[in-house]
Every structure is written in structure tokens, then in C-alpha cells.
Amino acid sequence: MSTPNLAEIPSDLLADFRLESSEQFQRCEQLLIELERAPDDRERLRELFRLIHTLKGNLGYIGLAGLMNVPQAMEDVLARLREGQLYFDSLLGDILLLSLDHLKDLIRHTLDGSAAQFEATQSNALSKALSALAIAPQTQQTAARSALLQQLDPSSRPPTDTSTNEPAVIELLRHYGIEPDADLLFFVDLMQASERRSRFWQGRGLRQLDLALAINQLGGSPEQPEQLTAAICLHDIGMAFLPLETLHKEAHFNREERRQMQSHPRLASELLKRMPHWAAAAEITLQHQEHADGSGYPKGLKEVETSPGALILNIVDTFEARTHERAHQTLNKRPLLRAILEINNLAGRQFSGHWVELFNQTLQQHPELAHR
């Protein structure tokens, strides 16, 4: 890949490119997240195609023709989507999202001299793989998409069985200064039992505990760590009593199924209220599906009315669901980038903007928390 002479590019032209490309990348990311919810939206597909086409043209206009192969290959895929020759699913959305991130890294490296995450050979391999994906038969699409996603993000490989075990949880709690008492050990036992109820839940409690306690600690521990631990262990215990066909249902819930799902915060809260000293944990479990803008349930509380622990748990619960939601279906975890983008895009609506920022800082300081 030849390196352009940046000194020959007028400074105002370069400044315009930086600003416009930043806006284009943000809009493309938003469209990819929206398309996952509305994969047949032709207007969003057209807009995404136009943005990638314009970005590719702008790269050539300022003399960065050597970077045009990736957006060209993305265009090949998007053209097939627009023609109805390919279908849009979460795997393809993640591939395109990571391809955008790859392109952003190439542009930063070229313009600013920053360290590159990817080599030229990786860019060439990516563009070839995307172009090959565009013409692959439908019967080969799932396997090809899964392989390409793992090529782009090795961490998306499915996790091994990491079912929680008591010594690991106790070690984790002590790391955060929590000495487990009889109640907490009981809550851990219940959490482990509920994880065995569904194949999608293996290891989730330990991951949620570690991340939530770290965020709370970075935020000055407004929630007592013991209370937050109890809430995390039991917040979904009510869901463990739902029929497996409801838990694993991929289609939209009917009214009765939605009512059953939305009853689980109250069930967990009522259990905790029966035990002395766990009132704060009961409140966290009751509120963990409330949204910052008041659109959540069961009470429609706004951020100022919701406990810090519930605001944290809402973020952690969603992060866990987004990163591991298909690990046992398509043999891939979701890319971290995708989950982090979605959470940040919903700051101020579903999530507290304050706690989203602390979530970001926690992952920056402790990236290992996101790779379990």
C-alpha cells in the first residue's frame, strides 16, 4: 500500500475530510445497529450504501486511493443486499461494523501516523473475503460469515464452559472486599442453579458480578458491594421458572409471554424482602429494568428515581446479553465493539449517561473484564 504525500493535500481539504468521514462513520454505525432490528428496511440500506460509496470516493479525491479496497468490498456486499441476493442478519451486521472499524484504523494510521492495529496484508485479506462473501451461495453464507467474523475479531469465538463455581465467586468477592456470609453463599448457590436451567446462561453470573462491582467501585461505591452482589445473584431468578420454550424463543413474545417476562423483577424483589438486611438489594432487583428516560418497567421510574445499583445492573445485564446472546446458536460471541456502541447510543434513554461513562472507563482500565 503506497503512502500518500500528505504535504501535497491542502489543509482545508484534509480538515473537511476528517470532519465528514467522522460523521459518515457515526451514521454508518447507527444504521447497522438499526438494520439489525429492521433488516428489510430498504431506505436504510440505500443510505448505508450511499455513505460507503461517498466515503470511498472521498478517499480517492484526497489521494488515499490505496485505502479504497475495503469500502469497495463493503459496497459489493451492500449491493447484493439491495438486490435481495443476500440477507441481513446479526453476523453480517457485525462483520460490516468491524470492517468500518478496520477502515477507521487505516485512515488514522495514514493521516496521523498512529500505531496501526492491522497490516496491509490483513486489509487485502479482508477486502477479498468481503468480496467473496458477496457472491457466496446462500447455503454457504452462515459458515462464511462465522469464519470472517472470527477472522476480524478472534474474541468472538465461542467461550468454553465457564459455569460459575463457588471458589471462583468467593475469590472474586474477596477481591472487592466482600466477605461472603451465609446469605451471600446461599444467593450464589441459587445463581448457579439458575445458570444450569438455560444453556445461554453458563458463566454469566461471574462475568456480571466482576463488571458491576468494578463499575460501582470506580464510581465511588454509592451502592454497598454486598447489596449489589445479592441483587446480581438473584435479579433473574424469576426467569428461571419460565418455560424453556419461552426463555429460548427467538420470535416476538405474545402478550402473555411478555407479561411473564416482565414480572421477574418483582418476583426476585419479593424473595429478598422476606430476608432481613437485604432491602437495598430488593430495591435494585425491582428497578433493574427501569430506563433513564422513564420508559422501563415495572414502575416507569426515571434516572433520578432509580438506585445506582439498578442503573449499573441495567448496563451490565444488557452488555452480557449483547455479547453472549448467540454464543450457543451461531458459535460466535457478539463483538465487543457492537455491544459498547449500542450501550453508548442509548445513553440518556435506556441507560444513565453518568454510568455509561463509568462503564466505558472501567473497560478501558480493565479490558480483561470484557473478554471473559
Protein backbone atom coordinates (compact mmCIF):
# COMPACT_ATOMS: atom_id res chain seq x y z
CA MET A 1 0.00 0.00 0.00
CA SER A 2 1.65 3.25 -1.12
CA THR A 3 1.86 6.10 1.35
CA PRO A 4 0.47 9.41 0.03
CA ASN A 5 2.35 12.66 0.40
CA LEU A 6 0.14 14.43 2.93
CA ALA A 7 2.03 17.69 2.44
CA GLU A 8 0.51 17.90 -1.03
CA ILE A 9 -3.05 17.77 0.31
CA PRO A 10 -4.43 21.27 1.10
CA SER A 11 -5.02 21.63 4.84
CA ASP A 12 -8.63 22.81 4.41
CA LEU A 13 -9.39 19.78 2.21
CA LEU A 14 -7.89 17.45 4.80
CA ALA A 15 -9.85 19.13 7.60
CA ASP A 16 -13.08 18.76 5.64
CA PHE A 17 -12.33 15.08 5.01
CA ARG A 18 -11.68 14.41 8.70
CA LEU A 19 -14.95 16.06 9.74
CA GLU A 20 -17.08 14.48 7.03
CA SER A 21 -15.63 10.99 7.44
CA SER A 22 -16.16 11.14 11.22
CA GLU A 23 -19.84 11.95 10.64
CA GLN A 24 -20.12 9.25 7.97
CA PHE A 25 -18.65 6.59 10.24
CA GLN A 26 -21.00 7.52 13.10
CA ARG A 27 -24.05 7.39 10.84
CA CYS A 28 -22.96 4.06 9.30
CA GLU A 29 -22.59 2.53 12.76
CA GLN A 30 -26.02 3.78 13.75
CA LEU A 31 -27.59 2.39 10.57
CA LEU A 32 -26.03 -1.04 11.10
CA ILE A 33 -27.46 -1.23 14.61
CA GLU A 34 -30.88 -0.09 13.34
CA LEU A 35 -30.82 -2.60 10.48
CA GLU A 36 -30.49 -5.46 12.93
CA ARG A 37 -33.95 -4.53 14.22
CA ALA A 38 -35.33 -3.81 10.74
CA PRO A 39 -33.27 -5.94 8.30
CA ASP A 40 -35.67 -5.38 5.40
CA ASP A 41 -35.60 -1.58 5.58
CA ARG A 42 -34.66 -0.64 2.02
CA GLU A 43 -34.20 3.06 2.77
CA ARG A 44 -31.63 2.38 5.50
CA LEU A 45 -29.78 0.04 3.13
CA ARG A 46 -29.75 2.68 0.41
CA GLU A 47 -28.45 5.31 2.82
CA LEU A 48 -25.73 2.97 4.08
CA PHE A 49 -24.66 2.18 0.52
CA ARG A 50 -24.54 5.89 -0.36
CA LEU A 51 -22.43 6.71 2.69
CA ILE A 52 -19.88 3.96 1.97
CA HIS A 53 -19.77 4.96 -1.71
CA THR A 54 -19.18 8.62 -0.77
CA LEU A 55 -16.50 7.69 1.76
CA LYS A 56 -14.73 5.61 -0.88
CA GLY A 57 -14.90 8.49 -3.36
CA ASN A 58 -13.56 10.97 -0.82
CA LEU A 59 -10.57 8.69 -0.12
CA GLY A 60 -9.71 8.77 -3.80
CA TYR A 61 -10.28 12.52 -4.04
CA ILE A 62 -7.68 13.34 -1.37
CA GLY A 63 -5.16 10.85 -2.72
CA LEU A 64 -5.80 7.89 -0.43
CA ALA A 65 -6.71 5.51 -3.24
CA GLY A 66 -4.71 2.77 -1.52
CA LEU A 67 -7.41 2.59 1.19
CA MET A 68 -10.32 2.20 -1.21
CA ASN A 69 -10.26 -1.59 -1.42
CA VAL A 70 -12.09 -2.15 1.88
CA PRO A 71 -15.02 0.23 1.20
CA GLN A 72 -15.23 -1.14 -2.35
CA ALA A 73 -15.60 -4.67 -0.98
CA MET A 74 -18.22 -3.42 1.51
CA GLU A 75 -20.06 -1.89 -1.45
CA ASP A 76 -20.05 -5.32 -3.14
CA VAL A 77 -21.82 -6.80 -0.12
CA LEU A 78 -24.28 -3.92 0.22
CA ALA A 79 -25.11 -4.02 -3.48
CA ARG A 80 -26.09 -7.68 -3.17
CA LEU A 81 -28.20 -6.84 -0.12
CA ARG A 82 -30.02 -4.11 -2.03
CA GLU A 83 -30.66 -6.53 -4.90
CA GLY A 84 -32.12 -9.07 -2.49
CA GLN A 85 -29.40 -11.60 -3.28
CA LEU A 86 -28.16 -11.60 0.32
CA TYR A 87 -29.99 -11.40 3.66
CA PHE A 88 -29.05 -9.12 6.54
CA ASP A 89 -28.54 -10.74 9.93
CA SER A 90 -26.57 -10.02 13.10
CA LEU A 91 -23.50 -11.85 11.79
CA LEU A 92 -23.32 -9.70 8.68
CA GLY A 93 -24.05 -6.55 10.68
CA ASP A 94 -21.13 -7.32 12.97
CA ILE A 95 -18.83 -8.02 10.02
CA LEU A 96 -19.67 -4.67 8.41
CA LEU A 97 -19.30 -2.87 11.75
CA LEU A 98 -15.85 -4.37 12.32
CA SER A 99 -14.89 -3.60 8.72
CA LEU A 100 -15.74 0.05 9.37
CA ASP A 101 -13.56 -0.03 12.48
CA HIS A 102 -10.76 -1.56 10.41
CA LEU A 103 -11.09 1.26 7.85
CA LYS A 104 -11.09 3.92 10.58
CA ASP A 105 -7.85 2.46 11.93
CA LEU A 106 -6.26 2.55 8.48
CA ILE A 107 -7.24 6.20 7.99
CA ARG A 108 -5.94 7.21 11.44
CA HIS A 109 -2.65 5.43 10.79
CA THR A 110 -2.25 7.06 7.36
CA LEU A 111 -3.18 10.60 8.38
CA ASP A 112 -1.82 10.78 11.92
CA GLY A 113 0.94 8.19 11.96
CA SER A 114 -0.69 6.41 14.90
CA ALA A 115 0.12 2.76 15.50
CA ALA A 116 -1.88 0.53 13.19
CA GLN A 117 -3.84 -2.42 14.53
CA PHE A 118 -3.87 -4.02 11.09
CA GLU A 119 -1.23 -4.64 8.43
CA ALA A 120 -1.70 -4.07 4.70
CA THR A 121 -1.88 -7.82 4.15
CA GLN A 122 -4.81 -8.01 6.60
CA SER A 123 -6.65 -5.26 4.71
CA ASN A 124 -6.14 -7.07 1.43
CA ALA A 125 -7.36 -10.33 3.01
CA LEU A 126 -10.41 -8.56 4.43
CA SER A 127 -11.38 -6.96 1.13
CA LYS A 128 -11.01 -10.29 -0.69
CA ALA A 129 -13.06 -12.09 1.99
CA LEU A 130 -15.84 -9.48 1.81
CA SER A 131 -15.98 -9.69 -1.98
CA ALA A 132 -16.06 -13.49 -1.78
CA LEU A 133 -18.84 -13.30 0.81
CA ALA A 134 -20.88 -11.13 -1.55
CA ILE A 135 -21.02 -13.89 -4.17
CA ALA A 136 -21.08 -16.96 -1.88
CA PRO A 137 -24.19 -19.16 -2.30
CA GLN A 138 -26.90 -18.86 0.33
CA THR A 139 -26.12 -22.35 1.61
CA GLN A 140 -22.57 -21.25 2.47
CA GLN A 141 -23.38 -17.86 3.94
CA THR A 142 -23.63 -18.79 7.64
CA ALA A 143 -20.34 -20.68 7.66
CA ALA A 144 -18.58 -17.98 5.62
CA ARG A 145 -19.90 -15.19 7.85
CA SER A 146 -18.91 -17.01 11.02
CA ALA A 147 -15.38 -17.61 9.71
CA LEU A 148 -14.97 -13.99 8.58
CA LEU A 149 -16.24 -12.65 11.90
CA GLN A 150 -13.70 -14.75 13.79
CA GLN A 151 -11.00 -13.52 11.38
CA LEU A 152 -11.93 -9.91 12.16
CA ASP A 153 -12.39 -10.45 15.90
CA PRO A 154 -10.80 -13.61 17.36
CA SER A 155 -12.51 -12.90 20.70
CA SER A 156 -15.84 -13.72 19.05
CA ARG A 157 -15.01 -17.41 19.19
CA PRO A 158 -17.47 -19.17 21.48
CA PRO A 159 -16.48 -19.41 25.15
CA THR A 160 -15.66 -22.71 26.72
CA ASP A 161 -17.91 -23.90 29.53
CA THR A 162 -17.23 -21.36 32.26
CA SER A 163 -20.05 -22.28 34.62
CA THR A 164 -19.60 -20.47 37.89
CA ASN A 165 -18.14 -22.37 40.80
CA GLU A 166 -18.13 -21.34 44.42
CA PRO A 167 -14.35 -20.90 44.93
CA ALA A 168 -14.12 -18.59 41.89
CA VAL A 169 -17.03 -16.46 43.10
CA ILE A 170 -15.64 -16.27 46.65
CA GLU A 171 -12.24 -15.24 45.32
CA LEU A 172 -13.90 -12.55 43.22
CA LEU A 173 -15.95 -11.20 46.13
CA ARG A 174 -12.92 -11.02 48.38
CA HIS A 175 -11.09 -9.11 45.65
CA TYR A 176 -13.73 -6.39 46.14
CA GLY A 177 -13.51 -6.55 49.94
CA ILE A 178 -16.65 -8.65 50.40
CA GLU A 179 -16.54 -11.47 52.95
CA PRO A 180 -19.33 -13.88 51.96
CA ASP A 181 -21.75 -14.68 54.79
CA ALA A 182 -24.33 -17.46 54.87
CA ASP A 183 -26.86 -15.39 52.93
CA LEU A 184 -24.46 -14.49 50.13
CA LEU A 185 -23.33 -18.10 49.81
CA PHE A 186 -26.98 -19.10 49.53
CA PHE A 187 -27.54 -16.48 46.83
CA VAL A 188 -24.52 -17.77 44.91
CA ASP A 189 -25.95 -21.30 45.09
CA LEU A 190 -29.25 -20.07 43.66
CA MET A 191 -27.43 -18.19 40.89
CA GLN A 192 -25.51 -21.34 39.94
CA ALA A 193 -28.68 -23.40 39.90
CA SER A 194 -30.45 -20.91 37.64
CA GLU A 195 -27.49 -20.91 35.24
CA ARG A 196 -27.94 -24.64 34.77
CA ARG A 197 -31.55 -24.00 33.76
CA SER A 198 -30.60 -22.48 30.39
CA ARG A 199 -27.69 -23.18 28.08
CA PHE A 200 -27.47 -19.44 27.36
CA TRP A 201 -26.64 -18.53 30.96
CA GLN A 202 -23.46 -20.50 31.59
CA GLY A 203 -20.89 -18.36 33.37
CA ARG A 204 -22.95 -15.18 33.16
CA GLY A 205 -23.17 -14.54 36.92
CA LEU A 206 -19.42 -14.38 37.43
CA ARG A 207 -19.00 -12.05 34.46
CA GLN A 208 -21.81 -9.76 35.63
CA LEU A 209 -20.52 -9.65 39.21
CA ASP A 210 -16.99 -8.72 38.18
CA LEU A 211 -18.04 -5.95 35.81
CA ALA A 212 -20.78 -4.47 38.02
CA LEU A 213 -18.60 -4.40 41.16
CA ALA A 214 -15.78 -2.79 39.17
CA ILE A 215 -18.08 -0.06 37.82
CA ASN A 216 -19.54 0.58 41.27
CA GLN A 217 -16.03 0.81 42.74
CA LEU A 218 -14.86 3.26 40.06
CA GLY A 219 -17.96 5.36 40.73
CA GLY A 220 -17.10 5.68 44.42
CA SER A 221 -19.20 2.71 45.64
CA PRO A 222 -22.55 4.51 46.01
CA GLU A 223 -24.08 1.05 46.35
CA GLN A 224 -22.93 -1.26 49.12
CA PRO A 225 -20.98 -4.04 47.33
CA GLU A 226 -22.74 -6.75 49.38
CA GLN A 227 -26.17 -5.44 48.36
CA LEU A 228 -25.16 -5.18 44.70
CA THR A 229 -23.80 -8.74 44.83
CA ALA A 230 -27.06 -10.10 46.22
CA ALA A 231 -29.05 -8.26 43.55
CA ILE A 232 -26.88 -9.59 40.72
CA CYS A 233 -27.12 -13.16 42.01
CA LEU A 234 -30.92 -13.07 42.18
CA HIS A 235 -32.13 -10.43 39.70
CA ASP A 236 -33.12 -13.01 37.07
CA ILE A 237 -34.14 -15.83 39.39
CA GLY A 238 -37.78 -15.35 38.37
CA MET A 239 -36.90 -16.02 34.73
CA ALA A 240 -35.51 -19.44 35.69
CA PHE A 241 -39.08 -20.54 36.46
CA LEU A 242 -40.37 -19.70 32.98
CA PRO A 243 -40.93 -22.50 30.43
CA LEU A 244 -37.78 -23.20 28.42
CA GLU A 245 -39.65 -22.59 25.18
CA THR A 246 -40.34 -19.05 26.39
CA LEU A 247 -36.77 -18.48 27.60
CA HIS A 248 -35.32 -19.64 24.28
CA LYS A 249 -37.94 -18.15 21.98
CA GLU A 250 -36.42 -16.16 19.11
CA ALA A 251 -39.66 -14.71 17.72
CA HIS A 252 -41.54 -11.83 19.34
CA PHE A 253 -43.33 -12.59 22.60
CA ASN A 254 -47.10 -12.57 22.70
CA ARG A 255 -48.89 -10.53 25.35
CA GLU A 256 -48.94 -13.28 27.99
CA GLU A 257 -45.28 -14.19 27.44
CA ARG A 258 -44.30 -10.53 27.72
CA ARG A 259 -46.28 -10.25 30.96
CA GLN A 260 -44.48 -13.29 32.35
CA MET A 261 -41.07 -11.92 31.35
CA GLN A 262 -41.78 -8.50 32.85
CA SER A 263 -42.88 -10.00 36.16
CA HIS A 264 -39.41 -11.30 37.03
CA PRO A 265 -38.08 -8.15 38.78
CA ARG A 266 -40.98 -8.23 41.26
CA LEU A 267 -40.54 -11.95 41.93
CA ALA A 268 -36.85 -11.52 42.80
CA SER A 269 -37.54 -8.44 44.87
CA GLU A 270 -40.26 -10.18 46.90
CA LEU A 271 -37.88 -13.04 47.72
CA LEU A 272 -35.21 -10.66 49.01
CA LYS A 273 -37.73 -8.65 51.04
CA ARG A 274 -38.51 -11.77 53.09
CA MET A 275 -34.93 -11.81 54.43
CA PRO A 276 -33.53 -9.30 56.93
CA HIS A 277 -30.86 -6.79 55.86
CA TRP A 278 -31.40 -7.10 52.08
CA ALA A 279 -33.82 -4.23 51.46
CA ALA A 280 -31.37 -2.36 49.22
CA ALA A 281 -30.76 -5.49 47.12
CA ALA A 282 -34.53 -5.98 46.83
CA GLU A 283 -34.86 -2.41 45.51
CA ILE A 284 -32.07 -2.94 42.97
CA THR A 285 -33.69 -6.10 41.61
CA LEU A 286 -37.09 -4.42 41.40
CA GLN A 287 -35.66 -1.46 39.45
CA HIS A 288 -33.07 -3.10 37.19
CA GLN A 289 -35.34 -2.93 34.12
CA GLU A 290 -36.18 0.75 34.62
CA HIS A 291 -34.86 3.17 31.97
CA ALA A 292 -33.23 6.56 32.45
CA ASP A 293 -35.99 8.24 30.42
CA GLY A 294 -38.82 6.54 32.31
CA SER A 295 -39.73 4.05 29.57
CA GLY A 296 -38.81 0.90 31.53
CA TYR A 297 -40.75 -1.33 33.90
CA PRO A 298 -42.31 -2.16 36.34
CA LYS A 299 -42.90 1.40 37.61
CA GLY A 300 -41.65 3.64 34.76
CA LEU A 301 -39.08 5.32 37.01
CA LYS A 302 -36.67 7.93 35.65
CA GLU A 303 -32.94 8.02 36.39
CA VAL A 304 -33.20 10.30 39.42
CA GLU A 305 -35.74 7.91 40.98
CA THR A 306 -33.66 4.78 40.39
CA SER A 307 -30.98 3.36 42.68
CA PRO A 308 -27.33 3.44 41.46
CA GLY A 309 -27.16 -0.34 41.68
CA ALA A 310 -30.13 -0.74 39.34
CA LEU A 311 -28.63 1.75 36.85
CA ILE A 312 -25.38 -0.25 36.88
CA LEU A 313 -27.13 -3.60 36.61
CA ASN A 314 -29.20 -2.41 33.65
CA ILE A 315 -25.99 -1.69 31.71
CA VAL A 316 -24.19 -4.87 32.80
CA ASP A 317 -27.21 -7.05 32.04
CA THR A 318 -27.51 -5.61 28.53
CA PHE A 319 -23.78 -5.90 27.88
CA GLU A 320 -23.86 -9.56 28.88
CA ALA A 321 -26.92 -10.22 26.73
CA ARG A 322 -25.48 -8.50 23.66
CA THR A 323 -22.05 -10.13 23.81
CA HIS A 324 -23.23 -13.65 24.59
CA GLU A 325 -26.73 -13.77 23.10
CA ARG A 326 -25.84 -16.11 20.23
CA ALA A 327 -22.75 -17.93 21.52
CA HIS A 328 -24.59 -21.25 21.56
CA GLN A 329 -26.58 -20.66 18.37
CA THR A 330 -24.12 -19.49 15.71
CA LEU A 331 -20.90 -20.44 17.56
CA ASN A 332 -19.96 -16.78 17.87
CA LYS A 333 -19.99 -14.20 20.61
CA ARG A 334 -21.01 -10.70 19.55
CA PRO A 335 -18.09 -8.31 19.01
CA LEU A 336 -17.42 -6.03 21.97
CA LEU A 337 -17.44 -3.01 19.67
CA ARG A 338 -21.04 -3.68 18.72
CA ALA A 339 -22.24 -4.04 22.30
CA ILE A 340 -20.34 -0.97 23.51
CA LEU A 341 -21.67 1.15 20.64
CA GLU A 342 -25.26 0.13 21.36
CA ILE A 343 -24.95 0.96 25.06
CA ASN A 344 -23.39 4.35 24.30
CA ASN A 345 -26.04 5.12 21.68
CA LEU A 346 -28.73 4.53 24.33
CA ALA A 347 -27.12 6.75 26.99
CA GLY A 348 -29.72 9.16 28.32
CA ARG A 349 -32.56 6.97 27.08
CA GLN A 350 -32.33 3.39 28.33
CA PHE A 351 -29.17 3.94 30.35
CA SER A 352 -27.81 6.58 32.69
CA GLY A 353 -25.30 8.75 30.84
CA HIS A 354 -23.22 9.04 34.03
CA TRP A 355 -22.96 5.28 34.49
CA VAL A 356 -22.35 4.65 30.78
CA GLU A 357 -19.30 6.87 31.03
CA LEU A 358 -18.08 4.91 34.05
CA PHE A 359 -18.78 1.67 32.16
CA ASN A 360 -16.55 2.96 29.33
CA GLN A 361 -13.80 3.94 31.76
CA THR A 362 -13.98 0.56 33.51
CA LEU A 363 -13.49 -1.34 30.26
CA GLN A 364 -10.64 0.98 29.27
CA GLN A 365 -8.87 0.42 32.59
CA HIS A 366 -9.72 -3.29 32.84
CA PRO A 367 -10.18 -4.66 29.30
CA GLU A 368 -9.97 -8.21 30.65
CA LEU A 369 -13.49 -7.75 32.07
CA ALA A 370 -14.88 -7.69 28.54
CA HIS A 371 -13.04 -10.76 27.28
CA ARG A 372 -14.43 -13.46 29.55
